[in-house]
PDB file of N, CA and C in Angstrom:
ATOM      1  N   MET A   1      26.296  -6.301   7.995  1.00  0.00           N
ATOM      2  CA  MET A   1      26.461  -7.169   6.837  1.00  0.00           C
ATOM      3  C   MET A   1      25.111  -7.556   6.243  1.00  0.00           C
ATOM      4  N   LYS A   2      24.139  -7.846   7.142  1.00  0.00           N
ATOM      5  CA  LYS A   2      22.814  -8.216   6.650  1.00  0.00           C
ATOM      6  C   LYS A   2      22.150  -7.065   5.897  1.00  0.00           C
ATOM      7  N   LEU A   3      22.378  -5.838   6.383  1.00  0.00           N
ATOM      8  CA  LEU A   3      21.807  -4.681   5.713  1.00  0.00           C
ATOM      9  C   LEU A   3      22.363  -4.533   4.302  1.00  0.00           C
ATOM     10  N   LEU A   4      23.655  -4.754   4.152  1.00  0.00           N
ATOM     11  CA  LEU A   4      24.287  -4.682   2.842  1.00  0.00           C
ATOM     12  C   LEU A   4      23.736  -5.767   1.911  1.00  0.00           C
ATOM     13  N   LEU A   5      23.560  -6.972   2.438  1.00  0.00           N
ATOM     14  CA  LEU A   5      23.003  -8.060   1.634  1.00  0.00           C
ATOM     15  C   LEU A   5      21.559  -7.775   1.228  1.00  0.00           C
ATOM     16  N   ARG A   6      20.783  -7.189   2.134  1.00  0.00           N
ATOM     17  CA  ARG A   6      19.393  -6.831   1.799  1.00  0.00           C
ATOM     18  C   ARG A   6      19.356  -5.758   0.719  1.00  0.00           C
ATOM     19  N   TRP A   7      20.290  -4.813   0.796  1.00  0.00           N
ATOM     20  CA  TRP A   7      20.357  -3.737  -0.180  1.00  0.00           C
ATOM     21  C   TRP A   7      20.690  -4.293  -1.564  1.00  0.00           C
ATOM     22  N   VAL A   8      21.664  -5.180  -1.627  1.00  0.00           N
ATOM     23  CA  VAL A   8      22.036  -5.808  -2.907  1.00  0.00           C
ATOM     24  C   VAL A   8      20.887  -6.675  -3.428  1.00  0.00           C
ATOM     25  N   ALA A   9      20.201  -7.373  -2.525  1.00  0.00           N
ATOM     26  CA  ALA A   9      19.058  -8.198  -2.938  1.00  0.00           C
ATOM     27  C   ALA A   9      17.925  -7.327  -3.467  1.00  0.00           C
ATOM     28  N   ALA A  10      17.704  -6.166  -2.863  1.00  0.00           N
ATOM     29  CA  ALA A  10      16.669  -5.254  -3.353  1.00  0.00           C
ATOM     30  C   ALA A  10      17.028  -4.729  -4.742  1.00  0.00           C
ATOM     31  N   ALA A  11      18.305  -4.444  -4.953  1.00  0.00           N
ATOM     32  CA  ALA A  11      18.744  -4.011  -6.288  1.00  0.00           C
ATOM     33  C   ALA A  11      18.531  -5.124  -7.304  1.00  0.00           C
ATOM     34  N   GLY A  12      18.824  -6.356  -6.914  1.00  0.00           N
ATOM     35  CA  GLY A  12      18.571  -7.490  -7.797  1.00  0.00           C
ATOM     36  C   GLY A  12      17.091  -7.691  -8.059  1.00  0.00           C
ATOM     37  N   ALA A  13      16.267  -7.443  -7.051  1.00  0.00           N
ATOM     38  CA  ALA A  13      14.820  -7.573  -7.224  1.00  0.00           C
ATOM     39  C   ALA A  13      14.293  -6.537  -8.208  1.00  0.00           C
ATOM     40  N   VAL A  14      14.808  -5.317  -8.140  1.00  0.00           N
ATOM     41  CA  VAL A  14      14.406  -4.284  -9.097  1.00  0.00           C
ATOM     42  C   VAL A  14      14.863  -4.664 -10.501  1.00  0.00           C
ATOM     43  N   ALA A  15      16.070  -5.206 -10.612  1.00  0.00           N
ATOM     44  CA  ALA A  15      16.567  -5.646 -11.916  1.00  0.00           C
ATOM     45  C   ALA A  15      15.707  -6.776 -12.470  1.00  0.00           C
ATOM     46  N   LEU A  16      15.316  -7.715 -11.618  1.00  0.00           N
ATOM     47  CA  LEU A  16      14.458  -8.815 -12.047  1.00  0.00           C
ATOM     48  C   LEU A  16      13.096  -8.302 -12.476  1.00  0.00           C
ATOM     49  N   ALA A  17      12.533  -7.377 -11.725  1.00  0.00           N
ATOM     50  CA  ALA A  17      11.236  -6.799 -12.093  1.00  0.00           C
ATOM     51  C   ALA A  17      11.332  -6.056 -13.413  1.00  0.00           C
ATOM     52  N   ALA A  18      12.422  -5.328 -13.627  1.00  0.00           N
ATOM     53  CA  ALA A  18      12.606  -4.610 -14.893  1.00  0.00           C
ATOM     54  C   ALA A  18      12.760  -5.579 -16.060  1.00  0.00           C
ATOM     55  N   HIS A  19      13.343  -6.733 -15.791  1.00  0.00           N
ATOM     56  CA  HIS A  19      13.531  -7.735 -16.846  1.00  0.00           C
ATOM     57  C   HIS A  19      12.228  -8.473 -17.163  1.00  0.00           C
ATOM     58  N   LEU A  20      11.416  -8.747 -16.149  1.00  0.00           N
ATOM     59  CA  LEU A  20      10.222  -9.568 -16.345  1.00  0.00           C
ATOM     60  C   LEU A  20       8.964  -8.783 -16.706  1.00  0.00           C
ATOM     61  N   VAL A  21       8.836  -7.573 -16.216  1.00  0.00           N
ATOM     62  CA  VAL A  21       7.612  -6.790 -16.423  1.00  0.00           C
ATOM     63  C   VAL A  21       7.829  -5.826 -17.584  1.00  0.00           C
ATOM     64  N   PRO A  22       7.002  -5.928 -18.630  1.00  0.00           N
ATOM     65  CA  PRO A  22       7.199  -5.070 -19.802  1.00  0.00           C
ATOM     66  C   PRO A  22       7.078  -3.573 -19.528  1.00  0.00           C
ATOM     67  N   GLY A  23       6.321  -3.160 -18.542  1.00  0.00           N
ATOM     68  CA  GLY A  23       6.112  -1.741 -18.288  1.00  0.00           C
ATOM     69  C   GLY A  23       7.134  -1.098 -17.371  1.00  0.00           C
ATOM     70  N   ILE A  24       8.162  -1.829 -16.985  1.00  0.00           N
ATOM     71  CA  ILE A  24       9.203  -1.273 -16.104  1.00  0.00           C
ATOM     72  C   ILE A  24      10.516  -1.258 -16.875  1.00  0.00           C
ATOM     73  N   ARG A  25      11.114  -0.065 -16.931  1.00  0.00           N
ATOM     74  CA  ARG A  25      12.386   0.093 -17.642  1.00  0.00           C
ATOM     75  C   ARG A  25      13.391   0.797 -16.750  1.00  0.00           C
ATOM     76  N   VAL A  26      14.606   0.309 -16.803  1.00  0.00           N
ATOM     77  CA  VAL A  26      15.704   0.939 -16.074  1.00  0.00           C
ATOM     78  C   VAL A  26      16.866   1.066 -17.050  1.00  0.00           C
ATOM     79  N   GLU A  27      17.365   2.283 -17.187  1.00  0.00           N
ATOM     80  CA  GLU A  27      18.548   2.498 -18.016  1.00  0.00           C
ATOM     81  C   GLU A  27      19.665   2.981 -17.103  1.00  0.00           C
ATOM     82  N   ALA A  28      20.273   2.017 -16.433  1.00  0.00           N
ATOM     83  CA  ALA A  28      21.350   2.338 -15.496  1.00  0.00           C
ATOM     84  C   ALA A  28      22.208   1.102 -15.319  1.00  0.00           C
ATOM     85  N   GLY A  29      23.390   1.316 -14.849  1.00  0.00           N
ATOM     86  CA  GLY A  29      24.274   0.200 -14.549  1.00  0.00           C
ATOM     87  C   GLY A  29      24.007  -0.321 -13.151  1.00  0.00           C
ATOM     88  N   VAL A  30      24.957  -1.052 -12.628  1.00  0.00           N
ATOM     89  CA  VAL A  30      24.819  -1.640 -11.302  1.00  0.00           C
ATOM     90  C   VAL A  30      24.648  -0.548 -10.250  1.00  0.00           C
ATOM     91  N   GLY A  31      25.387   0.524 -10.377  1.00  0.00           N
ATOM     92  CA  GLY A  31      25.264   1.627  -9.433  1.00  0.00           C
ATOM     93  C   GLY A  31      23.880   2.253  -9.452  1.00  0.00           C
ATOM     94  N   GLY A  32      23.293   2.324 -10.631  1.00  0.00           N
ATOM     95  CA  GLY A  32      21.936   2.846 -10.748  1.00  0.00           C
ATOM     96  C   GLY A  32      20.925   1.965 -10.041  1.00  0.00           C
ATOM     97  N   TYR A  33      21.079   0.643 -10.197  1.00  0.00           N
ATOM     98  CA  TYR A  33      20.182  -0.283  -9.502  1.00  0.00           C
ATOM     99  C   TYR A  33      20.340  -0.161  -7.992  1.00  0.00           C
ATOM    100  N   LEU A  34      21.560   0.036  -7.541  1.00  0.00           N
ATOM    101  CA  LEU A  34      21.794   0.207  -6.104  1.00  0.00           C
ATOM    102  C   LEU A  34      21.159   1.496  -5.588  1.00  0.00           C
ATOM    103  N   LEU A  35      21.223   2.567  -6.388  1.00  0.00           N
ATOM    104  CA  LEU A  35      20.579   3.817  -5.991  1.00  0.00           C
ATOM    105  C   LEU A  35      19.059   3.686  -5.984  1.00  0.00           C
ATOM    106  N   ILE A  36      18.518   2.973  -6.973  1.00  0.00           N
ATOM    107  CA  ILE A  36      17.072   2.744  -7.003  1.00  0.00           C
ATOM    108  C   ILE A  36      16.647   1.944  -5.775  1.00  0.00           C
ATOM    109  N   ALA A  37      17.427   0.945  -5.410  1.00  0.00           N
ATOM    110  CA  ALA A  37      17.116   0.152  -4.219  1.00  0.00           C
ATOM    111  C   ALA A  37      17.188   1.010  -2.964  1.00  0.00           C
ATOM    112  N   LEU A  38      18.131   1.943  -2.918  1.00  0.00           N
ATOM    113  CA  LEU A  38      18.237   2.850  -1.780  1.00  0.00           C
ATOM    114  C   LEU A  38      17.012   3.759  -1.696  1.00  0.00           C
ATOM    115  N   VAL A  39      16.607   4.308  -2.828  1.00  0.00           N
ATOM    116  CA  VAL A  39      15.415   5.168  -2.855  1.00  0.00           C
ATOM    117  C   VAL A  39      14.182   4.370  -2.445  1.00  0.00           C
ATOM    118  N   LEU A  40      14.051   3.168  -2.967  1.00  0.00           N
ATOM    119  CA  LEU A  40      12.904   2.325  -2.618  1.00  0.00           C
ATOM    120  C   LEU A  40      12.910   1.983  -1.135  1.00  0.00           C
ATOM    121  N   GLY A  41      14.072   1.714  -0.583  1.00  0.00           N
ATOM    122  CA  GLY A  41      14.172   1.439   0.845  1.00  0.00           C
ATOM    123  C   GLY A  41      13.792   2.645   1.700  1.00  0.00           C
ATOM    124  N   LEU A  42      14.230   3.821   1.291  1.00  0.00           N
ATOM    125  CA  LEU A  42      13.878   5.032   2.029  1.00  0.00           C
ATOM    126  C   LEU A  42      12.383   5.320   1.945  1.00  0.00           C
ATOM    127  N   VAL A  43      11.810   5.134   0.761  1.00  0.00           N
ATOM    128  CA  VAL A  43      10.367   5.333   0.599  1.00  0.00           C
ATOM    129  C   VAL A  43       9.602   4.345   1.475  1.00  0.00           C
ATOM    130  N   ASN A  44      10.043   3.093   1.487  1.00  0.00           N
ATOM    131  CA  ASN A  44       9.372   2.091   2.315  1.00  0.00           C
ATOM    132  C   ASN A  44       9.521   2.394   3.801  1.00  0.00           C
ATOM    133  N   ALA A  45      10.653   2.940   4.193  1.00  0.00           N
ATOM    134  CA  ALA A  45      10.879   3.227   5.609  1.00  0.00           C
ATOM    135  C   ALA A  45      10.141   4.471   6.078  1.00  0.00           C
ATOM    136  N   LEU A  46      10.002   5.472   5.215  1.00  0.00           N
ATOM    137  CA  LEU A  46       9.435   6.745   5.640  1.00  0.00           C
ATOM    138  C   LEU A  46       7.948   6.904   5.297  1.00  0.00           C
ATOM    139  N   VAL A  47       7.543   6.480   4.129  1.00  0.00           N
ATOM    140  CA  VAL A  47       6.177   6.739   3.666  1.00  0.00           C
ATOM    141  C   VAL A  47       5.237   5.575   3.977  1.00  0.00           C
ATOM    142  N   ARG A  48       5.730   4.363   3.878  1.00  0.00           N
ATOM    143  CA  ARG A  48       4.877   3.182   4.043  1.00  0.00           C
ATOM    144  C   ARG A  48       4.166   3.118   5.399  1.00  0.00           C
ATOM    145  N   PRO A  49       4.850   3.394   6.521  1.00  0.00           N
ATOM    146  CA  PRO A  49       4.119   3.334   7.798  1.00  0.00           C
ATOM    147  C   PRO A  49       2.960   4.329   7.877  1.00  0.00           C
ATOM    148  N   VAL A  50       3.155   5.507   7.319  1.00  0.00           N
ATOM    149  CA  VAL A  50       2.087   6.513   7.324  1.00  0.00           C
ATOM    150  C   VAL A  50       0.908   6.035   6.481  1.00  0.00           C
ATOM    151  N   LEU A  51       1.185   5.512   5.290  1.00  0.00           N
ATOM    152  CA  LEU A  51       0.111   5.017   4.436  1.00  0.00           C
ATOM    153  C   LEU A  51      -0.623   3.840   5.060  1.00  0.00           C
ATOM    154  N   ARG A  52       0.121   2.974   5.716  1.00  0.00           N
ATOM    155  CA  ARG A  52      -0.526   1.825   6.375  1.00  0.00           C
ATOM    156  C   ARG A  52      -1.418   2.287   7.520  1.00  0.00           C
ATOM    157  N   TRP A  53      -0.963   3.280   8.256  1.00  0.00           N
ATOM    158  CA  TRP A  53      -1.766   3.790   9.353  1.00  0.00           C
ATOM    159  C   TRP A  53      -3.027   4.487   8.836  1.00  0.00           C
ATOM    160  N   LEU A  54      -2.870   5.300   7.789  1.00  0.00           N
ATOM    161  CA  LEU A  54      -4.016   6.016   7.239  1.00  0.00           C
ATOM    162  C   LEU A  54      -5.039   5.084   6.593  1.00  0.00           C
ATOM    163  N   SER A  55      -4.588   3.964   6.069  1.00  0.00           N
ATOM    164  CA  SER A  55      -5.510   3.069   5.354  1.00  0.00           C
ATOM    165  C   SER A  55      -5.772   1.768   6.109  1.00  0.00           C
ATOM    166  N   CYS A  56      -5.579   1.769   7.411  1.00  0.00           N
ATOM    167  CA  CYS A  56      -5.740   0.519   8.159  1.00  0.00           C
ATOM    168  C   CYS A  56      -7.158  -0.043   8.038  1.00  0.00           C
ATOM    169  N   GLY A  57      -8.167   0.816   7.946  1.00  0.00           N
ATOM    170  CA  GLY A  57      -9.534   0.330   7.753  1.00  0.00           C
ATOM    171  C   GLY A  57      -9.710  -0.408   6.444  1.00  0.00           C
ATOM    172  N   LEU A  58      -9.143   0.152   5.363  1.00  0.00           N
ATOM    173  CA  LEU A  58      -9.220  -0.518   4.057  1.00  0.00           C
ATOM    174  C   LEU A  58      -8.425  -1.816   4.045  1.00  0.00           C
ATOM    175  N   ILE A  59      -7.315  -1.829   4.738  1.00  0.00           N
ATOM    176  CA  ILE A  59      -6.498  -3.042   4.798  1.00  0.00           C
ATOM    177  C   ILE A  59      -7.280  -4.162   5.474  1.00  0.00           C
ATOM    178  N   VAL A  60      -7.928  -3.836   6.582  1.00  0.00           N
ATOM    179  CA  VAL A  60      -8.722  -4.841   7.284  1.00  0.00           C
ATOM    180  C   VAL A  60      -9.928  -5.256   6.439  1.00  0.00           C
ATOM    181  N   LEU A  61     -10.605  -4.285   5.834  1.00  0.00           N
ATOM    182  CA  LEU A  61     -11.791  -4.561   5.024  1.00  0.00           C
ATOM    183  C   LEU A  61     -11.484  -5.466   3.834  1.00  0.00           C
ATOM    184  N   THR A  62     -10.309  -5.287   3.234  1.00  0.00           N
ATOM    185  CA  THR A  62      -9.940  -6.095   2.062  1.00  0.00           C
ATOM    186  C   THR A  62      -9.078  -7.294   2.426  1.00  0.00           C
ATOM    187  N   LEU A  63      -8.986  -7.579   3.710  1.00  0.00           N
ATOM    188  CA  LEU A  63      -8.191  -8.716   4.207  1.00  0.00           C
ATOM    189  C   LEU A  63      -6.725  -8.640   3.780  1.00  0.00           C
ATOM    190  N   GLY A  64      -6.191  -7.431   3.759  1.00  0.00           N
ATOM    191  CA  GLY A  64      -4.783  -7.229   3.451  1.00  0.00           C
ATOM    192  C   GLY A  64      -4.462  -6.992   1.993  1.00  0.00           C
ATOM    193  N   LEU A  65      -5.443  -7.145   1.106  1.00  0.00           N
ATOM    194  CA  LEU A  65      -5.156  -6.963  -0.321  1.00  0.00           C
ATOM    195  C   LEU A  65      -4.835  -5.511  -0.676  1.00  0.00           C
ATOM    196  N   PHE A  66      -5.299  -4.573   0.133  1.00  0.00           N
ATOM    197  CA  PHE A  66      -4.984  -3.172  -0.142  1.00  0.00           C
ATOM    198  C   PHE A  66      -3.491  -2.890   0.028  1.00  0.00           C
ATOM    199  N   LEU A  67      -2.787  -3.747   0.752  1.00  0.00           N
ATOM    200  CA  LEU A  67      -1.332  -3.595   0.871  1.00  0.00           C
ATOM    201  C   LEU A  67      -0.651  -3.704  -0.489  1.00  0.00           C
ATOM    202  N   LEU A  68      -1.225  -4.495  -1.400  1.00  0.00           N
ATOM    203  CA  LEU A  68      -0.683  -4.578  -2.761  1.00  0.00           C
ATOM    204  C   LEU A  68      -0.786  -3.234  -3.470  1.00  0.00           C
ATOM    205  N   VAL A  69      -1.887  -2.541  -3.260  1.00  0.00           N
ATOM    206  CA  VAL A  69      -2.069  -1.217  -3.849  1.00  0.00           C
ATOM    207  C   VAL A  69      -1.056  -0.237  -3.269  1.00  0.00           C
ATOM    208  N   ILE A  70      -0.848  -0.312  -1.962  1.00  0.00           N
ATOM    209  CA  ILE A  70       0.138   0.566  -1.315  1.00  0.00           C
ATOM    210  C   ILE A  70       1.531   0.288  -1.862  1.00  0.00           C
ATOM    211  N   ASN A  71       1.903  -0.984  -1.989  1.00  0.00           N
ATOM    212  CA  ASN A  71       3.226  -1.335  -2.521  1.00  0.00           C
ATOM    213  C   ASN A  71       3.403  -0.839  -3.952  1.00  0.00           C
ATOM    214  N   ALA A  72       2.374  -0.954  -4.771  1.00  0.00           N
ATOM    215  CA  ALA A  72       2.459  -0.461  -6.150  1.00  0.00           C
ATOM    216  C   ALA A  72       2.630   1.054  -6.163  1.00  0.00           C
ATOM    217  N   GLY A  73       1.894   1.750  -5.311  1.00  0.00           N
ATOM    218  CA  GLY A  73       2.038   3.203  -5.230  1.00  0.00           C
ATOM    219  C   GLY A  73       3.423   3.619  -4.770  1.00  0.00           C
ATOM    220  N   LEU A  74       3.992   2.863  -3.845  1.00  0.00           N
ATOM    221  CA  LEU A  74       5.347   3.175  -3.378  1.00  0.00           C
ATOM    222  C   LEU A  74       6.383   2.936  -4.468  1.00  0.00           C
ATOM    223  N   LEU A  75       6.168   1.922  -5.294  1.00  0.00           N
ATOM    224  CA  LEU A  75       7.087   1.693  -6.421  1.00  0.00           C
ATOM    225  C   LEU A  75       6.986   2.838  -7.432  1.00  0.00           C
ATOM    226  N   LEU A  76       5.769   3.316  -7.680  1.00  0.00           N
ATOM    227  CA  LEU A  76       5.602   4.472  -8.565  1.00  0.00           C
ATOM    228  C   LEU A  76       6.277   5.712  -7.979  1.00  0.00           C
ATOM    229  N   LEU A  77       6.155   5.906  -6.672  1.00  0.00           N
ATOM    230  CA  LEU A  77       6.803   7.040  -6.015  1.00  0.00           C
ATOM    231  C   LEU A  77       8.321   6.927  -6.098  1.00  0.00           C
ATOM    232  N   ALA A  78       8.851   5.741  -5.890  1.00  0.00           N
ATOM    233  CA  ALA A  78      10.299   5.536  -5.991  1.00  0.00           C
ATOM    234  C   ALA A  78      10.793   5.806  -7.410  1.00  0.00           C
ATOM    235  N   ALA A  79       9.997   5.412  -8.411  1.00  0.00           N
ATOM    236  CA  ALA A  79      10.375   5.690  -9.804  1.00  0.00           C
ATOM    237  C   ALA A  79      10.409   7.195 -10.055  1.00  0.00           C
ATOM    238  N   TRP A  80       9.429   7.902  -9.535  1.00  0.00           N
ATOM    239  CA  TRP A  80       9.375   9.352  -9.715  1.00  0.00           C
ATOM    240  C   TRP A  80      10.562  10.032  -9.036  1.00  0.00           C
ATOM    241  N   LEU A  81      10.865   9.614  -7.811  1.00  0.00           N
ATOM    242  CA  LEU A  81      11.995  10.195  -7.095  1.00  0.00           C
ATOM    243  C   LEU A  81      13.329   9.851  -7.759  1.00  0.00           C
ATOM    244  N   SER A  82      13.446   8.651  -8.299  1.00  0.00           N
ATOM    245  CA  SER A  82      14.685   8.247  -8.976  1.00  0.00           C
ATOM    246  C   SER A  82      14.926   9.086 -10.218  1.00  0.00           C
ATOM    247  N   ARG A  83      13.863   9.376 -10.942  1.00  0.00           N
ATOM    248  CA  ARG A  83      14.023  10.247 -12.112  1.00  0.00           C
ATOM    249  C   ARG A  83      14.508  11.621 -11.694  1.00  0.00           C
ATOM    250  N   GLY A  84      14.066  12.090 -10.534  1.00  0.00           N
ATOM    251  CA  GLY A  84      14.536  13.371 -10.014  1.00  0.00           C
ATOM    252  C   GLY A  84      16.016  13.352  -9.682  1.00  0.00           C
ATOM    253  N   LEU A  85      16.548  12.165  -9.383  1.00  0.00           N
ATOM    254  CA  LEU A  85      17.978  12.019  -9.095  1.00  0.00           C
ATOM    255  C   LEU A  85      18.799  11.768 -10.355  1.00  0.00           C
ATOM    256  N   GLY A  86      18.130  11.721 -11.503  1.00  0.00           N
ATOM    257  CA  GLY A  86      18.831  11.526 -12.766  1.00  0.00           C
ATOM    258  C   GLY A  86      18.972  10.082 -13.190  1.00  0.00           C
ATOM    259  N   ILE A  87      18.245   9.177 -12.544  1.00  0.00           N
ATOM    260  CA  ILE A  87      18.281   7.766 -12.915  1.00  0.00           C
ATOM    261  C   ILE A  87      17.000   7.464 -13.683  1.00  0.00           C
ATOM    262  N   LEU A  88      17.137   6.884 -14.852  1.00  0.00           N
ATOM    263  CA  LEU A  88      15.957   6.578 -15.655  1.00  0.00           C
ATOM    264  C   LEU A  88      15.354   5.259 -15.175  1.00  0.00           C
ATOM    265  N   PHE A  89      14.388   5.373 -14.289  1.00  0.00           N
ATOM    266  CA  PHE A  89      13.623   4.245 -13.766  1.00  0.00           C
ATOM    267  C   PHE A  89      12.171   4.575 -14.051  1.00  0.00           C
ATOM    268  N   VAL A  90      11.600   3.906 -15.038  1.00  0.00           N
ATOM    269  CA  VAL A  90      10.262   4.236 -15.527  1.00  0.00           C
ATOM    270  C   VAL A  90       9.319   3.083 -15.256  1.00  0.00           C
ATOM    271  N   VAL A  91       8.186   3.407 -14.639  1.00  0.00           N
ATOM    272  CA  VAL A  91       7.099   2.457 -14.458  1.00  0.00           C
ATOM    273  C   VAL A  91       5.916   3.039 -15.222  1.00  0.00           C
ATOM    274  N   ASP A  92       5.519   2.363 -16.318  1.00  0.00           N
ATOM    275  CA  ASP A  92       4.534   2.910 -17.244  1.00  0.00           C
ATOM    276  C   ASP A  92       3.124   3.002 -16.687  1.00  0.00           C
ATOM    277  N   SER A  93       2.694   2.027 -15.921  1.00  0.00           N
ATOM    278  CA  SER A  93       1.298   1.996 -15.504  1.00  0.00           C
ATOM    279  C   SER A  93       1.180   1.431 -14.091  1.00  0.00           C
ATOM    280  N   PHE A  94      -0.031   1.547 -13.560  1.00  0.00           N
ATOM    281  CA  PHE A  94      -0.278   0.986 -12.246  1.00  0.00           C
ATOM    282  C   PHE A  94      -0.193  -0.539 -12.284  1.00  0.00           C
ATOM    283  N   ALA A  95      -0.633  -1.142 -13.381  1.00  0.00           N
ATOM    284  CA  ALA A  95      -0.555  -2.603 -13.504  1.00  0.00           C
ATOM    285  C   ALA A  95       0.893  -3.078 -13.489  1.00  0.00           C
ATOM    286  N   ALA A  96       1.761  -2.351 -14.185  1.00  0.00           N
ATOM    287  CA  ALA A  96       3.184  -2.696 -14.172  1.00  0.00           C
ATOM    288  C   ALA A  96       3.761  -2.513 -12.774  1.00  0.00           C
ATOM    289  N   ALA A  97       3.331  -1.459 -12.083  1.00  0.00           N
ATOM    290  CA  ALA A  97       3.799  -1.232 -10.713  1.00  0.00           C
ATOM    291  C   ALA A  97       3.319  -2.345  -9.791  1.00  0.00           C
ATOM    292  N   LEU A  98       2.098  -2.803  -9.991  1.00  0.00           N
ATOM    293  CA  LEU A  98       1.560  -3.877  -9.160  1.00  0.00           C
ATOM    294  C   LEU A  98       2.353  -5.158  -9.357  1.00  0.00           C
ATOM    295  N   LEU A  99       2.609  -5.513 -10.616  1.00  0.00           N
ATOM    296  CA  LEU A  99       3.393  -6.712 -10.903  1.00  0.00           C
ATOM    297  C   LEU A  99       4.830  -6.566 -10.397  1.00  0.00           C
ATOM    298  N   GLY A 100       5.432  -5.411 -10.625  1.00  0.00           N
ATOM    299  CA  GLY A 100       6.795  -5.167 -10.168  1.00  0.00           C
ATOM    300  C   GLY A 100       6.912  -5.202  -8.657  1.00  0.00           C
ATOM    301  N   SER A 101       5.921  -4.644  -7.969  1.00  0.00           N
ATOM    302  CA  SER A 101       5.979  -4.654  -6.509  1.00  0.00           C
ATOM    303  C   SER A 101       5.796  -6.060  -5.963  1.00  0.00           C
ATOM    304  N   LEU A 102       5.031  -6.893  -6.651  1.00  0.00           N
ATOM    305  CA  LEU A 102       4.915  -8.297  -6.236  1.00  0.00           C
ATOM    306  C   LEU A 102       6.259  -9.010  -6.342  1.00  0.00           C
ATOM    307  N   ILE A 103       6.965  -8.777  -7.437  1.00  0.00           N
ATOM    308  CA  ILE A 103       8.268  -9.406  -7.634  1.00  0.00           C
ATOM    309  C   ILE A 103       9.262  -8.916  -6.584  1.00  0.00           C
ATOM    310  N   VAL A 104       9.303  -7.612  -6.356  1.00  0.00           N
ATOM    311  CA  VAL A 104      10.225  -7.059  -5.356  1.00  0.00           C
ATOM    312  C   VAL A 104       9.882  -7.585  -3.966  1.00  0.00           C
ATOM    313  N   SER A 105       8.600  -7.681  -3.649  1.00  0.00           N
ATOM    314  CA  SER A 105       8.187  -8.192  -2.339  1.00  0.00           C
ATOM    315  C   SER A 105       8.562  -9.657  -2.155  1.00  0.00           C
ATOM    316  N   LEU A 106       8.358 -10.465  -3.189  1.00  0.00           N
ATOM    317  CA  LEU A 106       8.701 -11.881  -3.086  1.00  0.00           C
ATOM    318  C   LEU A 106      10.197 -12.095  -2.919  1.00  0.00           C
ATOM    319  N   VAL A 107      10.988 -11.342  -3.658  1.00  0.00           N
ATOM    320  CA  VAL A 107      12.443 -11.461  -3.528  1.00  0.00           C
ATOM    321  C   VAL A 107      12.898 -10.983  -2.147  1.00  0.00           C
ATOM    322  N   SER A 108      12.298  -9.906  -1.652  1.00  0.00           N
ATOM    323  CA  SER A 108      12.644  -9.410  -0.320  1.00  0.00           C
ATOM    324  C   SER A 108      12.260 -10.418   0.758  1.00  0.00           C
ATOM    325  N   PHE A 109      11.105 -11.045   0.599  1.00  0.00           N
ATOM    326  CA  PHE A 109      10.671 -12.065   1.554  1.00  0.00           C
ATOM    327  C   PHE A 109      11.625 -13.256   1.543  1.00  0.00           C
ATOM    328  N   ALA A 110      12.011 -13.716   0.351  1.00  0.00           N
ATOM    329  CA  ALA A 110      12.944 -14.841   0.243  1.00  0.00           C
ATOM    330  C   ALA A 110      14.297 -14.488   0.851  1.00  0.00           C
ATOM    331  N   THR A 111      14.738 -13.255   0.642  1.00  0.00           N
ATOM    332  CA  THR A 111      15.996 -12.805   1.228  1.00  0.00           C
ATOM    333  C   THR A 111      15.920 -12.809   2.748  1.00  0.00           C
ATOM    334  N   SER A 112      14.793 -12.368   3.275  1.00  0.00           N
ATOM    335  CA  SER A 112      14.620 -12.377   4.732  1.00  0.00           C
ATOM    336  C   SER A 112      14.680 -13.794   5.291  1.00  0.00           C
ATOM    337  N   LEU A 113      14.080 -14.731   4.580  1.00  0.00           N
ATOM    338  CA  LEU A 113      14.122 -16.122   5.019  1.00  0.00           C
ATOM    339  C   LEU A 113      15.540 -16.681   4.991  1.00  0.00           C
ATOM    340  N   LEU A 114      16.295 -16.307   3.977  1.00  0.00           N
ATOM    341  CA  LEU A 114      17.663 -16.812   3.860  1.00  0.00           C
ATOM    342  C   LEU A 114      18.605 -16.185   4.883  1.00  0.00           C
ATOM    343  N   LEU A 115      18.390 -14.919   5.205  1.00  0.00           N
ATOM    344  CA  LEU A 115      19.291 -14.231   6.121  1.00  0.00           C
ATOM    345  C   LEU A 115      19.003 -14.528   7.582  1.00  0.00           C
ATOM    346  N   GLU A 116      17.782 -14.935   7.896  1.00  0.00           N
ATOM    347  CA  GLU A 116      17.426 -15.227   9.275  1.00  0.00           C
ATOM    348  C   GLU A 116      16.711 -16.579   9.358  1.00  0.00           C
ATOM    349  N   PRO A 117      17.394 -17.681   9.038  1.00  0.00           N
ATOM    350  CA  PRO A 117      16.711 -18.970   9.050  1.00  0.00           C
ATOM    351  C   PRO A 117      16.402 -19.497  10.449  1.00  0.00           C
ATOM    352  N   ASP A 118      17.112 -19.033  11.461  1.00  0.00           N
ATOM    353  CA  ASP A 118      16.910 -19.558  12.809  1.00  0.00           C
ATOM    354  C   ASP A 118      16.114 -18.611  13.683  1.00  0.00           C
ATOM    355  N   ARG A 119      15.194 -17.883  13.113  1.00  0.00           N
ATOM    356  CA  ARG A 119      14.392 -16.908  13.850  1.00  0.00           C
ATOM    357  C   ARG A 119      13.541 -17.582  14.932  1.00  0.00           C
ATOM    358  N   ASP A 120      13.049 -18.797  14.677  1.00  0.00           N
ATOM    359  CA  ASP A 120      12.182 -19.500  15.629  1.00  0.00           C
ATOM    360  C   ASP A 120      12.951 -20.017  16.840  1.00  0.00           C
ATOM    361  N   ARG A 121      14.237 -20.186  16.742  1.00  0.00           N
ATOM    362  CA  ARG A 121      15.029 -20.758  17.826  1.00  0.00           C
ATOM    363  C   ARG A 121      15.391 -19.745  18.902  1.00  0.00           C
ATOM    364  N   ARG A 122      15.121 -18.482  18.700  1.00  0.00           N
ATOM    365  CA  ARG A 122      15.488 -17.454  19.676  1.00  0.00           C
ATOM    366  C   ARG A 122      14.586 -17.458  20.855  1.00  0.00           C
TER     367      ARG A 122
END
C-alpha cells in the first residue's frame, strides 16, 4: 500500500513541477503522469546508485550539493526515456531540471515523512 501511495505522490510531484516550472511540460492525462513517475522511479532505482558511487568524491567535496546535479540529470534522463515511450514529457533546460528535481525531491521527502511518522519508535 505504501508503494502505491509513493507512486501516486511521485506522479503528483511531477504534475506540480510541470505546473510550477516554466521549462517543464507534460502533455498527458493521469495515466501519463503515473507512467512518468514509474520511469522516474526506475531511473532512480537503477541509475542513481551508480552515479552516486562514481561521483562520491565530488559529493563529499561539494558537501552534498552535487546530488542536486545528479537529481537534475536523472530528471532529464527520465524525460528522454518517457518520450521514447510516447509520453510527451519535456524538460527544456538544465535549470528547469534542477528546479523540477528540487520540487520532486521535496514532495517525495514530505511523503516519506507522512507515510512513516513513527520511524524513531522502532
